[in-house]
Amino acid sequence: MRFLTYIIIPLFFLSQSSNASNLIVRSCREASKNDPNLGYDFCVTSLYEAACKSKLHPKKLEDLVNMSMQLTKSNGTNIISIISHDLQNQTHGEYVKACLRDCLDLYNDSLSSLDNAMVAFNTSKDLDTANINVSAALDDSVTCEDQFKERKEENETSPLTEENHVYFQLNVISLSFIQMIRQRY
């Protein structure tokens, strides 16, 4: 009997993982076809890594929406840490530091928007409110990046370009999945 337990339980988890992987691949394929801002490989890699780290096995698209919003929140929290660290950097000029302070505020607002999106999505199944709040979070990363470009004569470059792009992409995943759910109803 013990022998069967050692075989059946791992096979069960393996099949759950396979189903989750298939859901991620199918959903990312459909989402990337419908949104030119979403990279298929980025979508699959991000969600697969998140599923492995959290040991969650999403069974439906709604699970992927939650997982992608949680992943985005985690990424945003990390970006806030990066910004806080960069503000201590003595090599940045005053303009860059002012932009970083603005970005810090934007990312704090963004995390609040994501919290609101998660409540709307999970509590009341309000796809419109969830969509609006995820869109606001996405816009915050764009605004953060754009402000570094406002001072072209100084040729200022954003120290957050890569982080802003990843955050943007993660928000696009959530938006795409919310849109896919909306189309099904």
N, C-alpha and C. Protein backbone atom coordinates (compact mmCIF):
# COMPACT_ATOMS: atom_id res chain seq x y z
N MET A 1 0.82 -1.19 0.00
CA MET A 1 0.00 0.00 0.00
C MET A 1 0.86 1.26 0.00
N ARG A 2 1.90 1.25 0.80
CA ARG A 2 2.80 2.39 0.87
C ARG A 2 3.46 2.64 -0.49
N PHE A 3 3.78 1.58 -1.19
CA PHE A 3 4.39 1.68 -2.51
C PHE A 3 3.49 2.47 -3.45
N LEU A 4 2.20 2.16 -3.45
CA LEU A 4 1.24 2.87 -4.30
C LEU A 4 1.18 4.35 -3.95
N THR A 5 1.26 4.66 -2.68
CA THR A 5 1.23 6.06 -2.25
C THR A 5 2.42 6.81 -2.83
N TYR A 6 3.59 6.20 -2.85
CA TYR A 6 4.78 6.85 -3.39
C TYR A 6 4.70 7.06 -4.90
N ILE A 7 3.89 6.28 -5.56
CA ILE A 7 3.74 6.42 -7.01
C ILE A 7 2.57 7.33 -7.36
N ILE A 8 1.44 7.15 -6.73
CA ILE A 8 0.23 7.89 -7.10
C ILE A 8 0.32 9.37 -6.77
N ILE A 9 0.80 9.70 -5.60
CA ILE A 9 0.85 11.12 -5.21
C ILE A 9 1.76 11.92 -6.15
N PRO A 10 2.99 11.50 -6.43
CA PRO A 10 3.79 12.27 -7.38
C PRO A 10 3.16 12.36 -8.77
N LEU A 11 2.51 11.28 -9.21
CA LEU A 11 1.85 11.34 -10.52
C LEU A 11 0.70 12.34 -10.52
N PHE A 12 -0.02 12.42 -9.43
CA PHE A 12 -1.10 13.40 -9.32
C PHE A 12 -0.55 14.82 -9.45
N PHE A 13 0.52 15.12 -8.71
CA PHE A 13 1.10 16.45 -8.79
C PHE A 13 1.68 16.73 -10.16
N LEU A 14 2.26 15.74 -10.78
CA LEU A 14 2.80 15.90 -12.12
C LEU A 14 1.68 16.21 -13.11
N SER A 15 0.55 15.53 -12.99
CA SER A 15 -0.56 15.79 -13.91
C SER A 15 -1.14 17.17 -13.67
N GLN A 16 -1.23 17.60 -12.42
CA GLN A 16 -1.72 18.94 -12.12
C GLN A 16 -0.79 19.99 -12.72
N SER A 17 0.49 19.77 -12.61
CA SER A 17 1.47 20.70 -13.16
C SER A 17 1.37 20.74 -14.68
N SER A 18 1.14 19.59 -15.30
CA SER A 18 1.00 19.53 -16.75
C SER A 18 -0.24 20.29 -17.21
N ASN A 19 -1.35 20.12 -16.50
CA ASN A 19 -2.58 20.85 -16.83
C ASN A 19 -2.37 22.35 -16.68
N ALA A 20 -1.67 22.75 -15.63
CA ALA A 20 -1.39 24.17 -15.41
C ALA A 20 -0.50 24.71 -16.54
N SER A 21 0.49 23.94 -16.93
CA SER A 21 1.37 24.36 -18.02
C SER A 21 0.60 24.52 -19.32
N ASN A 22 -0.29 23.57 -19.59
CA ASN A 22 -1.11 23.66 -20.80
C ASN A 22 -2.01 24.89 -20.77
N LEU A 23 -2.59 25.19 -19.62
CA LEU A 23 -3.44 26.37 -19.49
C LEU A 23 -2.63 27.64 -19.72
N ILE A 24 -1.45 27.68 -19.16
CA ILE A 24 -0.59 28.86 -19.33
C ILE A 24 -0.23 29.03 -20.80
N VAL A 25 0.19 27.97 -21.45
CA VAL A 25 0.59 28.04 -22.86
C VAL A 25 -0.58 28.46 -23.74
N ARG A 26 -1.73 27.82 -23.56
CA ARG A 26 -2.91 28.17 -24.37
C ARG A 26 -3.34 29.62 -24.14
N SER A 27 -3.39 30.02 -22.89
CA SER A 27 -3.86 31.36 -22.56
C SER A 27 -2.88 32.42 -23.07
N CYS A 28 -1.60 32.19 -22.90
CA CYS A 28 -0.61 33.15 -23.39
C CYS A 28 -0.61 33.22 -24.91
N ARG A 29 -0.83 32.10 -25.56
CA ARG A 29 -0.89 32.10 -27.02
C ARG A 29 -2.05 32.96 -27.50
N GLU A 30 -3.22 32.74 -26.91
CA GLU A 30 -4.40 33.51 -27.30
C GLU A 30 -4.23 34.99 -26.97
N ALA A 31 -3.72 35.28 -25.79
CA ALA A 31 -3.55 36.68 -25.37
C ALA A 31 -2.55 37.41 -26.25
N SER A 32 -1.45 36.75 -26.59
CA SER A 32 -0.43 37.42 -27.41
C SER A 32 -0.89 37.64 -28.85
N LYS A 33 -1.80 36.79 -29.32
CA LYS A 33 -2.37 37.01 -30.65
C LYS A 33 -3.28 38.23 -30.66
N ASN A 34 -3.96 38.45 -29.53
CA ASN A 34 -4.93 39.54 -29.45
C ASN A 34 -4.34 40.87 -29.01
N ASP A 35 -3.13 40.87 -28.48
CA ASP A 35 -2.52 42.11 -27.99
C ASP A 35 -1.07 42.21 -28.46
N PRO A 36 -0.78 43.17 -29.34
CA PRO A 36 0.59 43.30 -29.85
C PRO A 36 1.61 43.74 -28.79
N ASN A 37 1.12 44.22 -27.64
CA ASN A 37 2.03 44.63 -26.56
C ASN A 37 2.49 43.47 -25.69
N LEU A 38 1.94 42.30 -25.94
CA LEU A 38 2.26 41.15 -25.11
C LEU A 38 3.12 40.15 -25.86
N GLY A 39 4.26 39.85 -25.30
CA GLY A 39 5.14 38.84 -25.88
C GLY A 39 4.79 37.46 -25.35
N TYR A 40 4.57 36.54 -26.26
CA TYR A 40 4.19 35.17 -25.88
C TYR A 40 5.23 34.54 -24.95
N ASP A 41 6.50 34.59 -25.31
CA ASP A 41 7.54 33.96 -24.49
C ASP A 41 7.60 34.58 -23.10
N PHE A 42 7.49 35.91 -23.03
CA PHE A 42 7.49 36.59 -21.74
C PHE A 42 6.32 36.11 -20.89
N CYS A 43 5.17 36.02 -21.48
CA CYS A 43 3.95 35.59 -20.77
C CYS A 43 4.13 34.19 -20.20
N VAL A 44 4.52 33.26 -21.04
CA VAL A 44 4.67 31.87 -20.60
C VAL A 44 5.73 31.75 -19.51
N THR A 45 6.88 32.34 -19.74
CA THR A 45 7.98 32.25 -18.78
C THR A 45 7.59 32.85 -17.44
N SER A 46 7.00 34.03 -17.47
CA SER A 46 6.62 34.71 -16.22
C SER A 46 5.62 33.89 -15.42
N LEU A 47 4.59 33.41 -16.08
CA LEU A 47 3.55 32.67 -15.37
C LEU A 47 4.01 31.29 -14.93
N TYR A 48 4.81 30.66 -15.76
CA TYR A 48 5.31 29.34 -15.38
C TYR A 48 6.22 29.43 -14.16
N GLU A 49 7.11 30.43 -14.16
CA GLU A 49 7.99 30.62 -13.00
C GLU A 49 7.18 30.95 -11.75
N ALA A 50 6.16 31.80 -11.91
CA ALA A 50 5.32 32.15 -10.76
C ALA A 50 4.59 30.92 -10.23
N ALA A 51 4.10 30.08 -11.12
CA ALA A 51 3.39 28.87 -10.70
C ALA A 51 4.35 27.92 -9.97
N CYS A 52 5.55 27.79 -10.48
CA CYS A 52 6.52 26.90 -9.84
C CYS A 52 6.93 27.41 -8.46
N LYS A 53 7.19 28.73 -8.37
CA LYS A 53 7.61 29.31 -7.08
C LYS A 53 6.51 29.23 -6.04
N SER A 54 5.29 29.46 -6.46
CA SER A 54 4.18 29.49 -5.50
C SER A 54 3.58 28.11 -5.29
N LYS A 55 3.97 27.17 -6.12
CA LYS A 55 3.43 25.81 -6.09
C LYS A 55 1.92 25.81 -6.31
N LEU A 56 1.44 26.83 -7.01
CA LEU A 56 0.03 26.91 -7.37
C LEU A 56 -0.17 26.23 -8.71
N HIS A 57 -1.30 25.60 -8.87
CA HIS A 57 -1.62 24.94 -10.13
C HIS A 57 -2.92 25.54 -10.66
N PRO A 58 -2.80 26.60 -11.45
CA PRO A 58 -4.01 27.24 -11.96
C PRO A 58 -4.81 26.26 -12.81
N LYS A 59 -6.12 26.28 -12.58
CA LYS A 59 -7.01 25.35 -13.29
C LYS A 59 -7.87 26.05 -14.32
N LYS A 60 -7.99 27.37 -14.20
CA LYS A 60 -8.85 28.12 -15.12
C LYS A 60 -8.26 29.51 -15.32
N LEU A 61 -8.77 30.20 -16.31
CA LEU A 61 -8.25 31.51 -16.67
C LEU A 61 -8.34 32.49 -15.50
N GLU A 62 -9.37 32.40 -14.70
CA GLU A 62 -9.52 33.28 -13.53
C GLU A 62 -8.33 33.12 -12.58
N ASP A 63 -7.84 31.90 -12.43
CA ASP A 63 -6.66 31.65 -11.60
C ASP A 63 -5.43 32.36 -12.17
N LEU A 64 -5.34 32.37 -13.49
CA LEU A 64 -4.21 33.05 -14.13
C LEU A 64 -4.29 34.57 -13.95
N VAL A 65 -5.50 35.12 -13.96
CA VAL A 65 -5.66 36.55 -13.71
C VAL A 65 -5.13 36.88 -12.32
N ASN A 66 -5.56 36.10 -11.34
CA ASN A 66 -5.08 36.33 -9.97
C ASN A 66 -3.57 36.16 -9.85
N MET A 67 -3.07 35.12 -10.48
CA MET A 67 -1.64 34.88 -10.42
C MET A 67 -0.86 36.01 -11.09
N SER A 68 -1.34 36.49 -12.22
CA SER A 68 -0.63 37.57 -12.92
C SER A 68 -0.69 38.87 -12.14
N MET A 69 -1.83 39.15 -11.50
CA MET A 69 -1.91 40.38 -10.69
C MET A 69 -1.00 40.28 -9.46
N GLN A 70 -0.94 39.11 -8.84
CA GLN A 70 -0.04 38.92 -7.71
C GLN A 70 1.42 39.07 -8.14
N LEU A 71 1.74 38.50 -9.27
CA LEU A 71 3.09 38.61 -9.82
C LEU A 71 3.44 40.07 -10.10
N THR A 72 2.50 40.80 -10.65
CA THR A 72 2.71 42.22 -10.95
C THR A 72 2.92 43.00 -9.66
N LYS A 73 2.10 42.72 -8.65
CA LYS A 73 2.26 43.40 -7.35
C LYS A 73 3.64 43.12 -6.75
N SER A 74 4.05 41.88 -6.81
CA SER A 74 5.36 41.52 -6.28
C SER A 74 6.47 42.25 -7.03
N ASN A 75 6.33 42.31 -8.34
CA ASN A 75 7.31 43.03 -9.16
C ASN A 75 7.31 44.52 -8.81
N GLY A 76 6.13 45.10 -8.63
CA GLY A 76 6.03 46.52 -8.27
C GLY A 76 6.67 46.81 -6.92
N THR A 77 6.48 45.90 -5.97
CA THR A 77 7.11 46.05 -4.65
C THR A 77 8.63 46.02 -4.79
N ASN A 78 9.13 45.15 -5.64
CA ASN A 78 10.57 45.08 -5.90
C ASN A 78 11.07 46.38 -6.54
N ILE A 79 10.30 46.93 -7.45
CA ILE A 79 10.69 48.18 -8.11
C ILE A 79 10.75 49.32 -7.09
N ILE A 80 9.82 49.34 -6.16
CA ILE A 80 9.85 50.36 -5.11
C ILE A 80 11.15 50.26 -4.32
N SER A 81 11.60 49.03 -4.03
CA SER A 81 12.88 48.83 -3.34
C SER A 81 14.04 49.34 -4.18
N ILE A 82 14.00 49.07 -5.47
CA ILE A 82 15.06 49.53 -6.37
C ILE A 82 15.09 51.05 -6.40
N ILE A 83 13.93 51.68 -6.49
CA ILE A 83 13.87 53.14 -6.52
C ILE A 83 14.41 53.71 -5.21
N SER A 84 14.00 53.16 -4.09
CA SER A 84 14.49 53.63 -2.79
C SER A 84 16.01 53.53 -2.71
N HIS A 85 16.54 52.44 -3.22
CA HIS A 85 18.00 52.28 -3.24
C HIS A 85 18.65 53.30 -4.18
N ASP A 86 18.06 53.49 -5.36
CA ASP A 86 18.61 54.45 -6.33
C ASP A 86 18.58 55.88 -5.81
N LEU A 87 17.60 56.20 -4.98
CA LEU A 87 17.54 57.55 -4.42
C LEU A 87 18.71 57.83 -3.48
N GLN A 88 19.33 56.78 -2.98
CA GLN A 88 20.51 56.94 -2.12
C GLN A 88 21.79 57.11 -2.93
N ASN A 89 21.72 56.83 -4.23
CA ASN A 89 22.88 56.90 -5.12
C ASN A 89 23.30 58.36 -5.29
N GLN A 90 24.50 58.64 -4.91
CA GLN A 90 25.01 60.02 -4.97
C GLN A 90 25.42 60.46 -6.37
N THR A 91 25.48 59.52 -7.31
CA THR A 91 25.89 59.90 -8.67
C THR A 91 24.74 60.46 -9.49
N HIS A 92 23.50 60.25 -9.06
CA HIS A 92 22.35 60.79 -9.79
C HIS A 92 22.24 62.29 -9.54
N GLY A 93 21.93 63.00 -10.61
CA GLY A 93 21.69 64.44 -10.49
C GLY A 93 20.32 64.71 -9.89
N GLU A 94 20.06 65.99 -9.63
CA GLU A 94 18.79 66.38 -9.01
C GLU A 94 17.59 66.05 -9.89
N TYR A 95 17.74 66.21 -11.20
CA TYR A 95 16.61 65.91 -12.09
C TYR A 95 16.24 64.44 -12.02
N VAL A 96 17.23 63.57 -12.07
CA VAL A 96 16.97 62.12 -12.00
C VAL A 96 16.37 61.77 -10.64
N LYS A 97 16.88 62.37 -9.58
CA LYS A 97 16.32 62.09 -8.25
C LYS A 97 14.87 62.55 -8.15
N ALA A 98 14.56 63.70 -8.77
CA ALA A 98 13.17 64.17 -8.77
C ALA A 98 12.28 63.19 -9.53
N CYS A 99 12.77 62.70 -10.65
CA CYS A 99 12.02 61.70 -11.42
C CYS A 99 11.83 60.42 -10.62
N LEU A 100 12.87 60.00 -9.94
CA LEU A 100 12.78 58.78 -9.13
C LEU A 100 11.77 58.95 -7.99
N ARG A 101 11.73 60.13 -7.37
CA ARG A 101 10.74 60.38 -6.31
C ARG A 101 9.32 60.30 -6.89
N ASP A 102 9.15 60.87 -8.08
CA ASP A 102 7.84 60.78 -8.75
C ASP A 102 7.50 59.32 -9.05
N CYS A 103 8.49 58.58 -9.53
CA CYS A 103 8.26 57.16 -9.83
C CYS A 103 7.89 56.39 -8.57
N LEU A 104 8.51 56.73 -7.46
CA LEU A 104 8.18 56.08 -6.20
C LEU A 104 6.70 56.30 -5.87
N ASP A 105 6.24 57.53 -6.02
CA ASP A 105 4.82 57.83 -5.79
C ASP A 105 3.94 57.08 -6.78
N LEU A 106 4.35 57.06 -8.05
CA LEU A 106 3.57 56.37 -9.07
C LEU A 106 3.44 54.88 -8.77
N TYR A 107 4.54 54.26 -8.38
CA TYR A 107 4.48 52.82 -8.09
C TYR A 107 3.68 52.52 -6.82
N ASN A 108 3.75 53.39 -5.85
CA ASN A 108 2.88 53.21 -4.67
C ASN A 108 1.41 53.30 -5.07
N ASP A 109 1.08 54.28 -5.91
CA ASP A 109 -0.29 54.38 -6.43
C ASP A 109 -0.67 53.15 -7.24
N SER A 110 0.29 52.67 -8.01
CA SER A 110 0.06 51.51 -8.86
C SER A 110 -0.29 50.28 -8.04
N LEU A 111 0.42 50.07 -6.94
CA LEU A 111 0.13 48.92 -6.08
C LEU A 111 -1.26 49.04 -5.47
N SER A 112 -1.65 50.26 -5.13
CA SER A 112 -3.00 50.48 -4.63
C SER A 112 -4.04 50.16 -5.71
N SER A 113 -3.76 50.55 -6.93
CA SER A 113 -4.66 50.24 -8.05
C SER A 113 -4.78 48.73 -8.24
N LEU A 114 -3.67 48.03 -8.13
CA LEU A 114 -3.71 46.57 -8.27
C LEU A 114 -4.51 45.92 -7.14
N ASP A 115 -4.37 46.45 -5.92
CA ASP A 115 -5.19 45.94 -4.82
C ASP A 115 -6.67 46.13 -5.13
N ASN A 116 -7.03 47.30 -5.64
CA ASN A 116 -8.42 47.57 -6.00
C ASN A 116 -8.90 46.64 -7.12
N ALA A 117 -8.02 46.38 -8.07
CA ALA A 117 -8.36 45.47 -9.17
C ALA A 117 -8.62 44.06 -8.65
N MET A 118 -7.79 43.62 -7.73
CA MET A 118 -7.95 42.27 -7.18
C MET A 118 -9.25 42.15 -6.39
N VAL A 119 -9.59 43.18 -5.62
CA VAL A 119 -10.85 43.16 -4.88
C VAL A 119 -12.02 43.13 -5.85
N ALA A 120 -11.98 43.98 -6.85
CA ALA A 120 -13.08 44.03 -7.83
C ALA A 120 -13.22 42.69 -8.55
N PHE A 121 -12.11 42.11 -8.93
CA PHE A 121 -12.14 40.86 -9.68
C PHE A 121 -12.61 39.69 -8.81
N ASN A 122 -12.08 39.61 -7.61
CA ASN A 122 -12.35 38.44 -6.76
C ASN A 122 -13.63 38.55 -5.95
N THR A 123 -13.99 39.73 -5.52
CA THR A 123 -15.14 39.88 -4.65
C THR A 123 -16.44 40.03 -5.42
N SER A 124 -16.44 40.96 -6.37
CA SER A 124 -17.70 41.24 -7.06
C SER A 124 -17.70 40.80 -8.53
N LYS A 125 -16.60 40.21 -8.96
CA LYS A 125 -16.46 39.80 -10.37
C LYS A 125 -16.73 40.98 -11.31
N ASP A 126 -16.30 42.16 -10.87
CA ASP A 126 -16.48 43.40 -11.63
C ASP A 126 -15.30 43.56 -12.58
N LEU A 127 -15.45 43.02 -13.78
CA LEU A 127 -14.37 43.03 -14.77
C LEU A 127 -14.02 44.44 -15.22
N ASP A 128 -15.02 45.32 -15.31
CA ASP A 128 -14.75 46.70 -15.75
C ASP A 128 -13.87 47.43 -14.74
N THR A 129 -14.19 47.34 -13.47
CA THR A 129 -13.38 48.00 -12.44
C THR A 129 -11.99 47.39 -12.36
N ALA A 130 -11.91 46.09 -12.47
CA ALA A 130 -10.60 45.43 -12.47
C ALA A 130 -9.78 45.93 -13.65
N ASN A 131 -10.39 46.00 -14.81
CA ASN A 131 -9.71 46.46 -16.02
C ASN A 131 -9.22 47.90 -15.86
N ILE A 132 -10.06 48.77 -15.34
CA ILE A 132 -9.69 50.18 -15.15
C ILE A 132 -8.50 50.29 -14.21
N ASN A 133 -8.52 49.54 -13.13
CA ASN A 133 -7.44 49.63 -12.15
C ASN A 133 -6.13 49.03 -12.65
N VAL A 134 -6.19 47.94 -13.39
CA VAL A 134 -4.97 47.38 -13.97
C VAL A 134 -4.42 48.34 -15.03
N SER A 135 -5.31 48.96 -15.79
CA SER A 135 -4.88 49.95 -16.78
C SER A 135 -4.17 51.13 -16.11
N ALA A 136 -4.69 51.56 -14.96
CA ALA A 136 -4.05 52.65 -14.22
C ALA A 136 -2.66 52.24 -13.76
N ALA A 137 -2.52 51.01 -13.29
CA ALA A 137 -1.21 50.51 -12.86
C ALA A 137 -0.24 50.48 -14.04
N LEU A 138 -0.72 50.05 -15.18
CA LEU A 138 0.10 50.02 -16.40
C LEU A 138 0.55 51.44 -16.77
N ASP A 139 -0.39 52.38 -16.73
CA ASP A 139 -0.07 53.77 -17.09
C ASP A 139 0.98 54.38 -16.17
N ASP A 140 0.98 53.97 -14.91
CA ASP A 140 1.97 54.51 -13.98
C ASP A 140 3.40 54.17 -14.40
N SER A 141 3.60 52.97 -14.91
CA SER A 141 4.96 52.60 -15.36
C SER A 141 5.35 53.39 -16.60
N VAL A 142 4.40 53.65 -17.48
CA VAL A 142 4.67 54.45 -18.69
C VAL A 142 4.99 55.88 -18.29
N THR A 143 4.21 56.44 -17.37
CA THR A 143 4.45 57.81 -16.91
C THR A 143 5.82 57.92 -16.26
N CYS A 144 6.18 56.94 -15.46
CA CYS A 144 7.50 56.93 -14.83
C CYS A 144 8.59 57.00 -15.89
N GLU A 145 8.49 56.16 -16.89
CA GLU A 145 9.53 56.12 -17.93
C GLU A 145 9.54 57.41 -18.75
N ASP A 146 8.37 57.91 -19.10
CA ASP A 146 8.28 59.09 -19.97
C ASP A 146 8.87 60.34 -19.35
N GLN A 147 8.76 60.49 -18.05
CA GLN A 147 9.25 61.73 -17.44
C GLN A 147 10.77 61.89 -17.58
N PHE A 148 11.49 60.80 -17.71
CA PHE A 148 12.94 60.90 -17.90
C PHE A 148 13.27 61.45 -19.29
N LYS A 149 12.33 61.31 -20.22
CA LYS A 149 12.55 61.76 -21.59
C LYS A 149 12.19 63.22 -21.79
N GLU A 150 11.55 63.84 -20.80
CA GLU A 150 11.10 65.22 -20.94
C GLU A 150 12.25 66.21 -21.04
N ARG A 151 13.38 65.84 -20.54
CA ARG A 151 14.54 66.74 -20.52
C ARG A 151 15.56 66.26 -21.55
N LYS A 152 15.20 66.38 -22.81
CA LYS A 152 16.03 65.84 -23.89
C LYS A 152 17.37 66.55 -24.04
N GLU A 153 17.40 67.86 -23.73
CA GLU A 153 18.66 68.59 -23.90
C GLU A 153 19.75 68.06 -22.99
N GLU A 154 19.37 67.46 -21.87
CA GLU A 154 20.34 66.90 -20.93
C GLU A 154 20.68 65.45 -21.26
N ASN A 155 19.90 64.86 -22.17
CA ASN A 155 20.09 63.46 -22.53
C ASN A 155 19.99 62.53 -21.31
N GLU A 156 19.00 62.81 -20.47
CA GLU A 156 18.79 61.98 -19.28
C GLU A 156 18.26 60.62 -19.70
N THR A 157 18.75 59.60 -19.07
CA THR A 157 18.23 58.27 -19.33
C THR A 157 17.66 57.71 -18.03
N SER A 158 16.63 56.94 -18.17
CA SER A 158 15.97 56.35 -17.01
C SER A 158 16.78 55.16 -16.50
N PRO A 159 17.04 55.14 -15.19
CA PRO A 159 17.68 53.95 -14.63
C PRO A 159 16.67 52.81 -14.43
N LEU A 160 15.40 53.06 -14.80
CA LEU A 160 14.34 52.08 -14.58
C LEU A 160 13.73 51.53 -15.87
N THR A 161 14.38 51.76 -16.99
CA THR A 161 13.79 51.37 -18.27
C THR A 161 13.39 49.89 -18.30
N GLU A 162 14.28 49.03 -17.92
CA GLU A 162 13.98 47.59 -17.96
C GLU A 162 12.86 47.24 -16.98
N GLU A 163 12.93 47.78 -15.77
CA GLU A 163 11.91 47.50 -14.76
C GLU A 163 10.54 48.00 -15.21
N ASN A 164 10.51 49.21 -15.79
CA ASN A 164 9.24 49.76 -16.28
C ASN A 164 8.66 48.89 -17.39
N HIS A 165 9.52 48.39 -18.26
CA HIS A 165 9.05 47.56 -19.37
C HIS A 165 8.47 46.24 -18.85
N VAL A 166 9.16 45.61 -17.92
CA VAL A 166 8.68 44.34 -17.37
C VAL A 166 7.35 44.56 -16.66
N TYR A 167 7.26 45.63 -15.88
CA TYR A 167 6.02 45.92 -15.16
C TYR A 167 4.87 46.17 -16.14
N PHE A 168 5.17 46.89 -17.19
CA PHE A 168 4.18 47.14 -18.24
C PHE A 168 3.68 45.81 -18.81
N GLN A 169 4.60 44.94 -19.17
CA GLN A 169 4.25 43.64 -19.75
C GLN A 169 3.42 42.79 -18.79
N LEU A 170 3.77 42.80 -17.51
CA LEU A 170 3.01 42.03 -16.53
C LEU A 170 1.58 42.54 -16.43
N ASN A 171 1.41 43.85 -16.48
CA ASN A 171 0.06 44.41 -16.46
C ASN A 171 -0.71 44.05 -17.73
N VAL A 172 -0.02 44.01 -18.85
CA VAL A 172 -0.67 43.64 -20.11
C VAL A 172 -1.19 42.20 -20.03
N ILE A 173 -0.45 41.33 -19.37
CA ILE A 173 -0.91 39.94 -19.20
C ILE A 173 -2.26 39.94 -18.48
N SER A 174 -2.32 40.65 -17.35
CA SER A 174 -3.58 40.70 -16.59
C SER A 174 -4.71 41.29 -17.43
N LEU A 175 -4.43 42.40 -18.11
CA LEU A 175 -5.46 43.03 -18.95
C LEU A 175 -5.94 42.09 -20.05
N SER A 176 -5.02 41.40 -20.67
CA SER A 176 -5.38 40.47 -21.75
C SER A 176 -6.26 39.34 -21.24
N PHE A 177 -5.91 38.80 -20.09
CA PHE A 177 -6.71 37.71 -19.53
C PHE A 177 -8.09 38.19 -19.09
N ILE A 178 -8.15 39.39 -18.52
CA ILE A 178 -9.46 39.95 -18.14
C ILE A 178 -10.32 40.12 -19.39
N GLN A 179 -9.70 40.60 -20.46
CA GLN A 179 -10.44 40.78 -21.71
C GLN A 179 -10.92 39.43 -22.26
N MET A 180 -10.10 38.41 -22.15
CA MET A 180 -10.50 37.07 -22.61
C MET A 180 -11.70 36.57 -21.81
N ILE A 181 -11.71 36.82 -20.51
CA ILE A 181 -12.85 36.41 -19.69
C ILE A 181 -14.08 37.20 -20.10
N ARG A 182 -13.91 38.48 -20.31
CA ARG A 182 -15.03 39.34 -20.72
C ARG A 182 -15.65 38.83 -22.01
N GLN A 183 -14.84 38.39 -22.95
CA GLN A 183 -15.35 37.91 -24.23
C GLN A 183 -16.14 36.61 -24.09
N ARG A 184 -15.87 35.86 -23.05
CA ARG A 184 -16.55 34.59 -22.85
C ARG A 184 -17.94 34.76 -22.24
N TYR A 185 -18.19 35.94 -21.68
CA TYR A 185 -19.50 36.18 -21.04
C TYR A 185 -20.38 37.04 -21.89
